[in-house]
PDB file of N, CA and C in Angstrom:
ATOM      1  N   MET A   1     -67.542  61.485   2.424  1.00  0.00           N
ATOM      2  CA  MET A   1     -66.488  61.937   1.469  1.00  0.00           C
ATOM      3  C   MET A   1     -66.951  63.251   0.835  1.00  0.00           C
ATOM      4  N   GLN A   2     -66.227  64.205   1.151  1.00  0.00           N
ATOM      5  CA  GLN A   2     -66.499  65.520   0.491  1.00  0.00           C
ATOM      6  C   GLN A   2     -66.024  65.606  -0.831  1.00  0.00           C
ATOM      7  N   LEU A   3     -66.902  66.197  -1.763  1.00  0.00           N
ATOM      8  CA  LEU A   3     -66.692  66.368  -3.176  1.00  0.00           C
ATOM      9  C   LEU A   3     -65.798  67.655  -3.264  1.00  0.00           C
ATOM     10  N   HIS A   4     -65.018  67.556  -4.498  1.00  0.00           N
ATOM     11  CA  HIS A   4     -64.044  68.667  -4.667  1.00  0.00           C
ATOM     12  C   HIS A   4     -64.013  69.052  -6.202  1.00  0.00           C
ATOM     13  N   TYR A   5     -63.857  70.287  -6.550  1.00  0.00           N
ATOM     14  CA  TYR A   5     -64.014  70.815  -7.874  1.00  0.00           C
ATOM     15  C   TYR A   5     -63.034  69.995  -8.821  1.00  0.00           C
ATOM     16  N   ALA A   6     -61.853  69.724  -8.395  1.00  0.00           N
ATOM     17  CA  ALA A   6     -60.899  69.143  -9.224  1.00  0.00           C
ATOM     18  C   ALA A   6     -61.153  67.654  -9.682  1.00  0.00           C
ATOM     19  N   GLU A   7     -61.762  67.079  -8.681  1.00  0.00           N
ATOM     20  CA  GLU A   7     -62.196  65.671  -8.896  1.00  0.00           C
ATOM     21  C   GLU A   7     -63.426  65.631  -9.885  1.00  0.00           C
ATOM     22  N   ILE A   8     -64.445  66.440  -9.582  1.00  0.00           N
ATOM     23  CA  ILE A   8     -65.585  66.558 -10.405  1.00  0.00           C
ATOM     24  C   ILE A   8     -65.221  66.895 -11.865  1.00  0.00           C
ATOM     25  N   ASP A   9     -64.306  67.860 -12.031  1.00  0.00           N
ATOM     26  CA  ASP A   9     -63.895  68.444 -13.264  1.00  0.00           C
ATOM     27  C   ASP A   9     -63.285  67.229 -14.050  1.00  0.00           C
ATOM     28  N   ALA A  10     -62.421  66.435 -13.339  1.00  0.00           N
ATOM     29  CA  ALA A  10     -61.661  65.344 -13.934  1.00  0.00           C
ATOM     30  C   ALA A  10     -62.505  64.249 -14.457  1.00  0.00           C
ATOM     31  N   ILE A  11     -63.583  63.990 -13.605  1.00  0.00           N
ATOM     32  CA  ILE A  11     -64.499  62.922 -13.864  1.00  0.00           C
ATOM     33  C   ILE A  11     -65.324  63.321 -15.103  1.00  0.00           C
ATOM     34  N   LEU A  12     -65.933  64.520 -15.043  1.00  0.00           N
ATOM     35  CA  LEU A  12     -66.616  65.094 -16.269  1.00  0.00           C
ATOM     36  C   LEU A  12     -65.906  65.150 -17.441  1.00  0.00           C
ATOM     37  N   THR A  13     -64.526  65.590 -17.307  1.00  0.00           N
ATOM     38  CA  THR A  13     -63.876  65.526 -18.607  1.00  0.00           C
ATOM     39  C   THR A  13     -63.611  64.255 -19.141  1.00  0.00           C
ATOM     40  N   SER A  14     -63.500  63.083 -18.445  1.00  0.00           N
ATOM     41  CA  SER A  14     -63.413  61.869 -18.986  1.00  0.00           C
ATOM     42  C   SER A  14     -64.717  61.263 -19.593  1.00  0.00           C
ATOM     43  N   LEU A  15     -65.861  61.673 -18.866  1.00  0.00           N
ATOM     44  CA  LEU A  15     -67.015  61.136 -19.257  1.00  0.00           C
ATOM     45  C   LEU A  15     -67.659  62.029 -20.598  1.00  0.00           C
ATOM     46  N   LEU A  16     -67.401  63.322 -20.530  1.00  0.00           N
ATOM     47  CA  LEU A  16     -67.978  64.173 -21.666  1.00  0.00           C
ATOM     48  C   LEU A  16     -67.073  63.805 -23.006  1.00  0.00           C
ATOM     49  N   ARG A  17     -65.904  63.703 -22.749  1.00  0.00           N
ATOM     50  CA  ARG A  17     -64.872  63.351 -23.968  1.00  0.00           C
ATOM     51  C   ARG A  17     -65.196  62.190 -24.743  1.00  0.00           C
ATOM     52  N   SER A  18     -65.910  61.278 -23.901  1.00  0.00           N
ATOM     53  CA  SER A  18     -66.250  59.943 -24.612  1.00  0.00           C
ATOM     54  C   SER A  18     -67.552  60.007 -25.187  1.00  0.00           C
ATOM     55  N   GLN A  19     -68.280  61.056 -24.999  1.00  0.00           N
ATOM     56  CA  GLN A  19     -69.763  61.168 -25.534  1.00  0.00           C
ATOM     57  C   GLN A  19     -69.701  61.871 -27.005  1.00  0.00           C
ATOM     58  N   PRO A  20     -70.646  61.658 -27.829  1.00  0.00           N
ATOM     59  CA  PRO A  20     -70.826  62.327 -29.082  1.00  0.00           C
ATOM     60  C   PRO A  20     -70.666  63.867 -28.893  1.00  0.00           C
ATOM     61  N   PRO A  21     -70.271  64.614 -29.899  1.00  0.00           N
ATOM     62  CA  PRO A  21     -70.386  66.080 -29.804  1.00  0.00           C
ATOM     63  C   PRO A  21     -71.838  66.415 -29.660  1.00  0.00           C
ATOM     64  N   GLY A  22     -72.001  67.480 -28.961  1.00  0.00           N
ATOM     65  CA  GLY A  22     -73.390  68.005 -28.735  1.00  0.00           C
ATOM     66  C   GLY A  22     -73.974  67.365 -27.390  1.00  0.00           C
ATOM     67  N   THR A  23     -73.236  66.532 -26.717  1.00  0.00           N
ATOM     68  CA  THR A  23     -73.846  66.103 -25.563  1.00  0.00           C
ATOM     69  C   THR A  23     -73.570  66.849 -24.083  1.00  0.00           C
ATOM     70  N   MET A  24     -74.578  67.009 -23.462  1.00  0.00           N
ATOM     71  CA  MET A  24     -74.367  67.815 -22.158  1.00  0.00           C
ATOM     72  C   MET A  24     -74.878  67.021 -21.100  1.00  0.00           C
ATOM     73  N   ALA A  25     -74.091  67.049 -19.890  1.00  0.00           N
ATOM     74  CA  ALA A  25     -74.364  66.421 -18.596  1.00  0.00           C
ATOM     75  C   ALA A  25     -75.415  67.235 -17.882  1.00  0.00           C
ATOM     76  N   LEU A  26     -76.541  66.812 -17.649  1.00  0.00           N
ATOM     77  CA  LEU A  26     -77.669  67.468 -16.859  1.00  0.00           C
ATOM     78  C   LEU A  26     -77.351  67.379 -15.413  1.00  0.00           C
ATOM     79  N   LEU A  27     -76.559  68.243 -14.851  1.00  0.00           N
ATOM     80  CA  LEU A  27     -76.086  67.939 -13.352  1.00  0.00           C
ATOM     81  C   LEU A  27     -77.228  68.224 -12.400  1.00  0.00           C
ATOM     82  N   ALA A  28     -78.139  69.054 -12.734  1.00  0.00           N
ATOM     83  CA  ALA A  28     -79.301  69.434 -11.825  1.00  0.00           C
ATOM     84  C   ALA A  28     -80.469  70.048 -12.654  1.00  0.00           C
ATOM     85  N   ASP A  29     -81.503  70.330 -12.025  1.00  0.00           N
ATOM     86  CA  ASP A  29     -82.640  70.840 -12.791  1.00  0.00           C
ATOM     87  C   ASP A  29     -82.134  72.283 -13.490  1.00  0.00           C
ATOM     88  N   PHE A  30     -81.195  72.882 -12.806  1.00  0.00           N
ATOM     89  CA  PHE A  30     -80.703  74.292 -13.162  1.00  0.00           C
ATOM     90  C   PHE A  30     -79.201  74.327 -13.601  1.00  0.00           C
ATOM     91  N   LEU A  31     -78.625  73.156 -13.768  1.00  0.00           N
ATOM     92  CA  LEU A  31     -77.215  73.137 -14.083  1.00  0.00           C
ATOM     93  C   LEU A  31     -76.774  72.181 -14.971  1.00  0.00           C
ATOM     94  N   GLY A  32     -75.833  72.459 -15.855  1.00  0.00           N
ATOM     95  CA  GLY A  32     -75.318  71.517 -16.780  1.00  0.00           C
ATOM     96  C   GLY A  32     -73.727  71.755 -17.188  1.00  0.00           C
ATOM     97  N   ALA A  33     -73.265  70.926 -17.906  1.00  0.00           N
ATOM     98  CA  ALA A  33     -71.950  70.886 -18.426  1.00  0.00           C
ATOM     99  C   ALA A  33     -71.742  70.091 -19.813  1.00  0.00           C
ATOM    100  N   TYR A  34     -70.776  70.699 -20.614  1.00  0.00           N
ATOM    101  CA  TYR A  34     -70.544  70.125 -21.860  1.00  0.00           C
ATOM    102  C   TYR A  34     -68.965  70.210 -21.974  1.00  0.00           C
ATOM    103  N   TRP A  35     -68.347  69.546 -23.048  1.00  0.00           N
ATOM    104  CA  TRP A  35     -67.252  69.344 -23.384  1.00  0.00           C
ATOM    105  C   TRP A  35     -66.928  70.323 -24.687  1.00  0.00           C
ATOM    106  N   ASP A  36     -66.230  71.493 -24.632  1.00  0.00           N
ATOM    107  CA  ASP A  36     -66.103  72.255 -25.863  1.00  0.00           C
ATOM    108  C   ASP A  36     -64.892  71.976 -26.727  1.00  0.00           C
ATOM    109  N   GLY A  37     -64.259  70.858 -26.482  1.00  0.00           N
ATOM    110  CA  GLY A  37     -63.139  70.460 -27.297  1.00  0.00           C
ATOM    111  C   GLY A  37     -61.832  70.565 -26.636  1.00  0.00           C
ATOM    112  N   THR A  38     -61.767  71.494 -25.481  1.00  0.00           N
ATOM    113  CA  THR A  38     -60.693  71.680 -24.838  1.00  0.00           C
ATOM    114  C   THR A  38     -60.867  71.653 -23.262  1.00  0.00           C
ATOM    115  N   ARG A  39     -62.077  71.813 -22.747  1.00  0.00           N
ATOM    116  CA  ARG A  39     -62.358  71.886 -21.324  1.00  0.00           C
ATOM    117  C   ARG A  39     -63.789  71.679 -21.160  1.00  0.00           C
ATOM    118  N   VAL A  40     -64.212  71.327 -19.848  1.00  0.00           N
ATOM    119  CA  VAL A  40     -65.628  71.339 -19.468  1.00  0.00           C
ATOM    120  C   VAL A  40     -66.170  72.633 -19.235  1.00  0.00           C
ATOM    121  N   VAL A  41     -67.285  73.080 -19.765  1.00  0.00           N
ATOM    122  CA  VAL A  41     -67.952  74.322 -19.692  1.00  0.00           C
ATOM    123  C   VAL A  41     -69.084  74.003 -18.774  1.00  0.00           C
ATOM    124  N   TYR A  42     -69.204  74.833 -17.682  1.00  0.00           N
ATOM    125  CA  TYR A  42     -70.448  74.673 -16.667  1.00  0.00           C
ATOM    126  C   TYR A  42     -71.362  75.826 -17.018  1.00  0.00           C
ATOM    127  N   PHE A  43     -72.519  75.504 -17.059  1.00  0.00           N
ATOM    128  CA  PHE A  43     -73.525  76.648 -17.300  1.00  0.00           C
ATOM    129  C   PHE A  43     -74.925  76.418 -16.707  1.00  0.00           C
ATOM    130  N   PHE A  44     -75.647  77.435 -16.537  1.00  0.00           N
ATOM    131  CA  PHE A  44     -76.991  77.433 -15.917  1.00  0.00           C
ATOM    132  C   PHE A  44     -77.983  77.031 -16.979  1.00  0.00           C
ATOM    133  N   LEU A  45     -79.039  76.189 -16.789  1.00  0.00           N
ATOM    134  CA  LEU A  45     -79.857  75.892 -17.807  1.00  0.00           C
ATOM    135  C   LEU A  45     -80.872  77.117 -17.990  1.00  0.00           C
ATOM    136  N   HIS A  46     -81.442  77.346 -19.207  1.00  0.00           N
ATOM    137  CA  HIS A  46     -82.278  78.564 -19.455  1.00  0.00           C
ATOM    138  C   HIS A  46     -83.432  78.459 -18.502  1.00  0.00           C
ATOM    139  N   GLU A  47     -84.052  79.493 -18.091  1.00  0.00           N
ATOM    140  CA  GLU A  47     -85.330  79.449 -17.163  1.00  0.00           C
ATOM    141  C   GLU A  47     -86.409  79.138 -17.723  1.00  0.00           C
ATOM    142  N   ASP A  48     -86.458  79.116 -19.100  1.00  0.00           N
ATOM    143  CA  ASP A  48     -87.786  78.885 -19.843  1.00  0.00           C
ATOM    144  C   ASP A  48     -88.152  77.243 -19.919  1.00  0.00           C
ATOM    145  N   GLY A  49     -87.171  76.527 -19.449  1.00  0.00           N
ATOM    146  CA  GLY A  49     -87.488  75.071 -19.169  1.00  0.00           C
ATOM    147  C   GLY A  49     -87.159  74.170 -20.502  1.00  0.00           C
ATOM    148  N   SER A  50     -86.483  75.058 -21.529  1.00  0.00           N
ATOM    149  CA  SER A  50     -86.099  74.353 -22.713  1.00  0.00           C
ATOM    150  C   SER A  50     -85.048  73.307 -22.638  1.00  0.00           C
ATOM    151  N   GLY A  51     -84.241  73.612 -21.511  1.00  0.00           N
ATOM    152  CA  GLY A  51     -82.922  72.723 -21.313  1.00  0.00           C
ATOM    153  C   GLY A  51     -81.777  73.187 -22.062  1.00  0.00           C
ATOM    154  N   ALA A  52     -81.935  74.383 -22.662  1.00  0.00           N
ATOM    155  CA  ALA A  52     -80.941  75.128 -23.381  1.00  0.00           C
ATOM    156  C   ALA A  52     -79.891  75.677 -22.411  1.00  0.00           C
ATOM    157  N   PRO A  53     -78.581  75.651 -22.687  1.00  0.00           N
ATOM    158  CA  PRO A  53     -77.728  76.385 -21.886  1.00  0.00           C
ATOM    159  C   PRO A  53     -77.907  77.944 -21.999  1.00  0.00           C
ATOM    160  N   ASP A  54     -77.555  78.359 -20.762  1.00  0.00           N
ATOM    161  CA  ASP A  54     -77.870  80.016 -20.571  1.00  0.00           C
ATOM    162  C   ASP A  54     -76.357  80.458 -20.180  1.00  0.00           C
ATOM    163  N   ASP A  55     -76.322  81.037 -19.096  1.00  0.00           N
ATOM    164  CA  ASP A  55     -74.969  81.732 -18.646  1.00  0.00           C
ATOM    165  C   ASP A  55     -74.093  80.559 -18.181  1.00  0.00           C
ATOM    166  N   GLU A  56     -72.792  80.928 -18.702  1.00  0.00           N
ATOM    167  CA  GLU A  56     -71.585  80.002 -18.142  1.00  0.00           C
ATOM    168  C   GLU A  56     -71.147  80.631 -16.944  1.00  0.00           C
ATOM    169  N   PHE A  57     -70.384  79.686 -16.188  1.00  0.00           N
ATOM    170  CA  PHE A  57     -69.661  80.052 -15.014  1.00  0.00           C
ATOM    171  C   PHE A  57     -68.656  79.289 -14.778  1.00  0.00           C
ATOM    172  N   GLU A  58     -67.698  79.611 -13.777  1.00  0.00           N
ATOM    173  CA  GLU A  58     -66.476  78.896 -13.469  1.00  0.00           C
ATOM    174  C   GLU A  58     -67.037  78.051 -12.178  1.00  0.00           C
ATOM    175  N   LEU A  59     -66.851  76.726 -12.240  1.00  0.00           N
ATOM    176  CA  LEU A  59     -67.085  75.957 -10.910  1.00  0.00           C
ATOM    177  C   LEU A  59     -66.043  76.017  -9.924  1.00  0.00           C
ATOM    178  N   SER A  60     -66.324  76.118  -8.865  1.00  0.00           N
ATOM    179  CA  SER A  60     -65.517  76.220  -7.671  1.00  0.00           C
ATOM    180  C   SER A  60     -65.660  75.243  -6.544  1.00  0.00           C
ATOM    181  N   ASP A  61     -64.883  75.022  -5.710  1.00  0.00           N
ATOM    182  CA  ASP A  61     -65.132  74.328  -4.254  1.00  0.00           C
ATOM    183  C   ASP A  61     -66.241  74.919  -3.693  1.00  0.00           C
ATOM    184  N   TYR A  62     -66.383  76.307  -3.539  1.00  0.00           N
ATOM    185  CA  TYR A  62     -67.506  76.884  -2.894  1.00  0.00           C
ATOM    186  C   TYR A  62     -68.811  76.435  -3.461  1.00  0.00           C
ATOM    187  N   LEU A  63     -68.930  76.478  -4.838  1.00  0.00           N
ATOM    188  CA  LEU A  63     -70.277  76.094  -5.499  1.00  0.00           C
ATOM    189  C   LEU A  63     -70.438  74.670  -5.387  1.00  0.00           C
ATOM    190  N   VAL A  64     -69.397  73.729  -5.381  1.00  0.00           N
ATOM    191  CA  VAL A  64     -69.428  72.369  -5.212  1.00  0.00           C
ATOM    192  C   VAL A  64     -70.180  72.178  -3.878  1.00  0.00           C
ATOM    193  N   ASP A  65     -69.703  72.796  -2.828  1.00  0.00           N
ATOM    194  CA  ASP A  65     -70.178  72.656  -1.400  1.00  0.00           C
ATOM    195  C   ASP A  65     -71.732  73.027  -1.570  1.00  0.00           C
ATOM    196  N   LYS A  66     -72.119  74.222  -2.049  1.00  0.00           N
ATOM    197  CA  LYS A  66     -73.433  74.783  -2.292  1.00  0.00           C
ATOM    198  C   LYS A  66     -74.395  73.782  -3.044  1.00  0.00           C
ATOM    199  N   TRP A  67     -73.824  73.193  -3.907  1.00  0.00           N
ATOM    200  CA  TRP A  67     -74.911  72.206  -4.632  1.00  0.00           C
ATOM    201  C   TRP A  67     -74.262  70.607  -4.512  1.00  0.00           C
ATOM    202  N   GLU A  68     -73.708  70.373  -3.278  1.00  0.00           N
ATOM    203  CA  GLU A  68     -73.377  69.034  -3.260  1.00  0.00           C
ATOM    204  C   GLU A  68     -74.458  67.982  -3.233  1.00  0.00           C
ATOM    205  N   GLU A  69     -75.528  68.160  -2.783  1.00  0.00           N
ATOM    206  CA  GLU A  69     -76.723  67.293  -2.930  1.00  0.00           C
ATOM    207  C   GLU A  69     -77.071  66.896  -4.346  1.00  0.00           C
ATOM    208  N   GLU A  70     -77.070  67.984  -5.128  1.00  0.00           N
ATOM    209  CA  GLU A  70     -77.341  67.760  -6.534  1.00  0.00           C
ATOM    210  C   GLU A  70     -76.352  67.021  -7.303  1.00  0.00           C
ATOM    211  N   LEU A  71     -75.132  67.434  -7.007  1.00  0.00           N
ATOM    212  CA  LEU A  71     -73.914  66.684  -7.647  1.00  0.00           C
ATOM    213  C   LEU A  71     -73.998  65.169  -7.190  1.00  0.00           C
ATOM    214  N   ARG A  72     -74.162  64.834  -6.058  1.00  0.00           N
ATOM    215  CA  ARG A  72     -74.143  63.508  -5.414  1.00  0.00           C
ATOM    216  C   ARG A  72     -75.323  62.803  -6.232  1.00  0.00           C
ATOM    217  N   HIS A  73     -76.345  63.335  -6.405  1.00  0.00           N
ATOM    218  CA  HIS A  73     -77.430  62.682  -6.971  1.00  0.00           C
ATOM    219  C   HIS A  73     -77.038  62.329  -8.438  1.00  0.00           C
ATOM    220  N   TRP A  74     -76.392  63.361  -9.036  1.00  0.00           N
ATOM    221  CA  TRP A  74     -76.115  63.096 -10.432  1.00  0.00           C
ATOM    222  C   TRP A  74     -74.954  61.927 -10.640  1.00  0.00           C
ATOM    223  N   PHE A  75     -73.967  61.911  -9.686  1.00  0.00           N
ATOM    224  CA  PHE A  75     -72.880  60.993  -9.949  1.00  0.00           C
ATOM    225  C   PHE A  75     -73.554  59.522  -9.611  1.00  0.00           C
ATOM    226  N   ALA A  76     -74.654  59.596  -8.860  1.00  0.00           N
ATOM    227  CA  ALA A  76     -75.244  58.113  -8.413  1.00  0.00           C
ATOM    228  C   ALA A  76     -76.128  57.757  -9.630  1.00  0.00           C
ATOM    229  N   ALA A  77     -76.571  58.615 -10.462  1.00  0.00           N
ATOM    230  CA  ALA A  77     -77.392  58.248 -11.749  1.00  0.00           C
ATOM    231  C   ALA A  77     -77.126  59.378 -12.812  1.00  0.00           C
ATOM    232  N   PRO A  78     -75.940  59.402 -13.373  1.00  0.00           N
ATOM    233  CA  PRO A  78     -75.699  60.444 -14.351  1.00  0.00           C
ATOM    234  C   PRO A  78     -76.795  60.491 -15.520  1.00  0.00           C
ATOM    235  N   ARG A  79     -77.054  61.762 -15.922  1.00  0.00           N
ATOM    236  CA  ARG A  79     -77.986  62.072 -17.021  1.00  0.00           C
ATOM    237  C   ARG A  79     -77.328  62.859 -18.035  1.00  0.00           C
ATOM    238  N   PHE A  80     -77.551  62.352 -19.350  1.00  0.00           N
ATOM    239  CA  PHE A  80     -76.975  63.151 -20.396  1.00  0.00           C
ATOM    240  C   PHE A  80     -78.088  63.651 -21.371  1.00  0.00           C
ATOM    241  N   SER A  81     -77.808  64.621 -22.117  1.00  0.00           N
ATOM    242  CA  SER A  81     -78.861  64.928 -23.068  1.00  0.00           C
ATOM    243  C   SER A  81     -78.033  65.298 -24.411  1.00  0.00           C
ATOM    244  N   MET A  82     -78.471  64.933 -25.505  1.00  0.00           N
ATOM    245  CA  MET A  82     -77.867  65.118 -26.769  1.00  0.00           C
ATOM    246  C   MET A  82     -78.551  66.259 -27.291  1.00  0.00           C
ATOM    247  N   ARG A  83     -77.738  67.406 -27.654  1.00  0.00           N
ATOM    248  CA  ARG A  83     -78.385  68.687 -28.059  1.00  0.00           C
ATOM    249  C   ARG A  83     -77.520  69.231 -29.304  1.00  0.00           C
ATOM    250  N   PRO A  84     -77.961  68.575 -30.542  1.00  0.00           N
ATOM    251  CA  PRO A  84     -77.222  68.984 -31.782  1.00  0.00           C
ATOM    252  C   PRO A  84     -76.885  70.518 -31.805  1.00  0.00           C
ATOM    253  N   GLU A  85     -77.936  71.316 -31.378  1.00  0.00           N
ATOM    254  CA  GLU A  85     -77.622  72.839 -31.486  1.00  0.00           C
ATOM    255  C   GLU A  85     -76.545  73.218 -30.694  1.00  0.00           C
ATOM    256  N   LEU A  86     -76.171  72.441 -29.595  1.00  0.00           N
ATOM    257  CA  LEU A  86     -74.995  72.843 -28.756  1.00  0.00           C
ATOM    258  C   LEU A  86     -73.691  73.019 -29.589  1.00  0.00           C
ATOM    259  N   ASN A  87     -73.422  72.123 -30.607  1.00  0.00           N
ATOM    260  CA  ASN A  87     -72.283  72.233 -31.538  1.00  0.00           C
ATOM    261  C   ASN A  87     -72.359  73.802 -32.255  1.00  0.00           C
ATOM    262  N   LYS A  88     -73.408  74.285 -32.524  1.00  0.00           N
ATOM    263  CA  LYS A  88     -73.335  75.536 -33.213  1.00  0.00           C
ATOM    264  C   LYS A  88     -73.126  76.704 -32.076  1.00  0.00           C
ATOM    265  N   TRP A  89     -73.702  76.548 -30.973  1.00  0.00           N
ATOM    266  CA  TRP A  89     -73.348  77.546 -29.803  1.00  0.00           C
ATOM    267  C   TRP A  89     -71.920  77.365 -29.535  1.00  0.00           C
ATOM    268  N   ILE A  90     -71.285  76.422 -29.438  1.00  0.00           N
ATOM    269  CA  ILE A  90     -70.002  76.101 -29.064  1.00  0.00           C
ATOM    270  C   ILE A  90     -69.043  76.923 -30.173  1.00  0.00           C
ATOM    271  N   LYS A  91     -69.432  76.670 -31.610  1.00  0.00           N
ATOM    272  CA  LYS A  91     -68.613  77.372 -32.505  1.00  0.00           C
ATOM    273  C   LYS A  91     -68.756  78.793 -32.506  1.00  0.00           C
ATOM    274  N   SER A  92     -69.964  79.282 -32.154  1.00  0.00           N
ATOM    275  CA  SER A  92     -70.235  80.781 -32.206  1.00  0.00           C
ATOM    276  C   SER A  92     -69.453  81.503 -31.058  1.00  0.00           C
ATOM    277  N   ASP A  93     -69.081  80.688 -29.889  1.00  0.00           N
ATOM    278  CA  ASP A  93     -68.349  81.265 -28.781  1.00  0.00           C
ATOM    279  C   ASP A  93     -66.802  81.189 -29.311  1.00  0.00           C
ATOM    280  N   ALA A  94     -66.361  80.458 -30.334  1.00  0.00           N
ATOM    281  CA  ALA A  94     -64.927  80.245 -30.581  1.00  0.00           C
ATOM    282  C   ALA A  94     -64.401  81.509 -31.312  1.00  0.00           C
TER     283      ALA A  94
END
């Protein structure tokens, strides 16, 4: 079964909305997502290994195809990380 952006986004919306504020989904070693109060925001993890969010991007079916293996691994065993500083980061973007 092929993964599609719309399905992934809907599942992540449901999962992240039910998590405490400041929770991010660690989708891969380089990729994460969080709920900003209105939508799922996808981002690359900072290269310094801190696990902090770096650049945001728009997920698409093309990127889902590119990262299908990583995303399938995540859905088989979802990983979340509580990052209280994420709340400050979200507010600074508002």
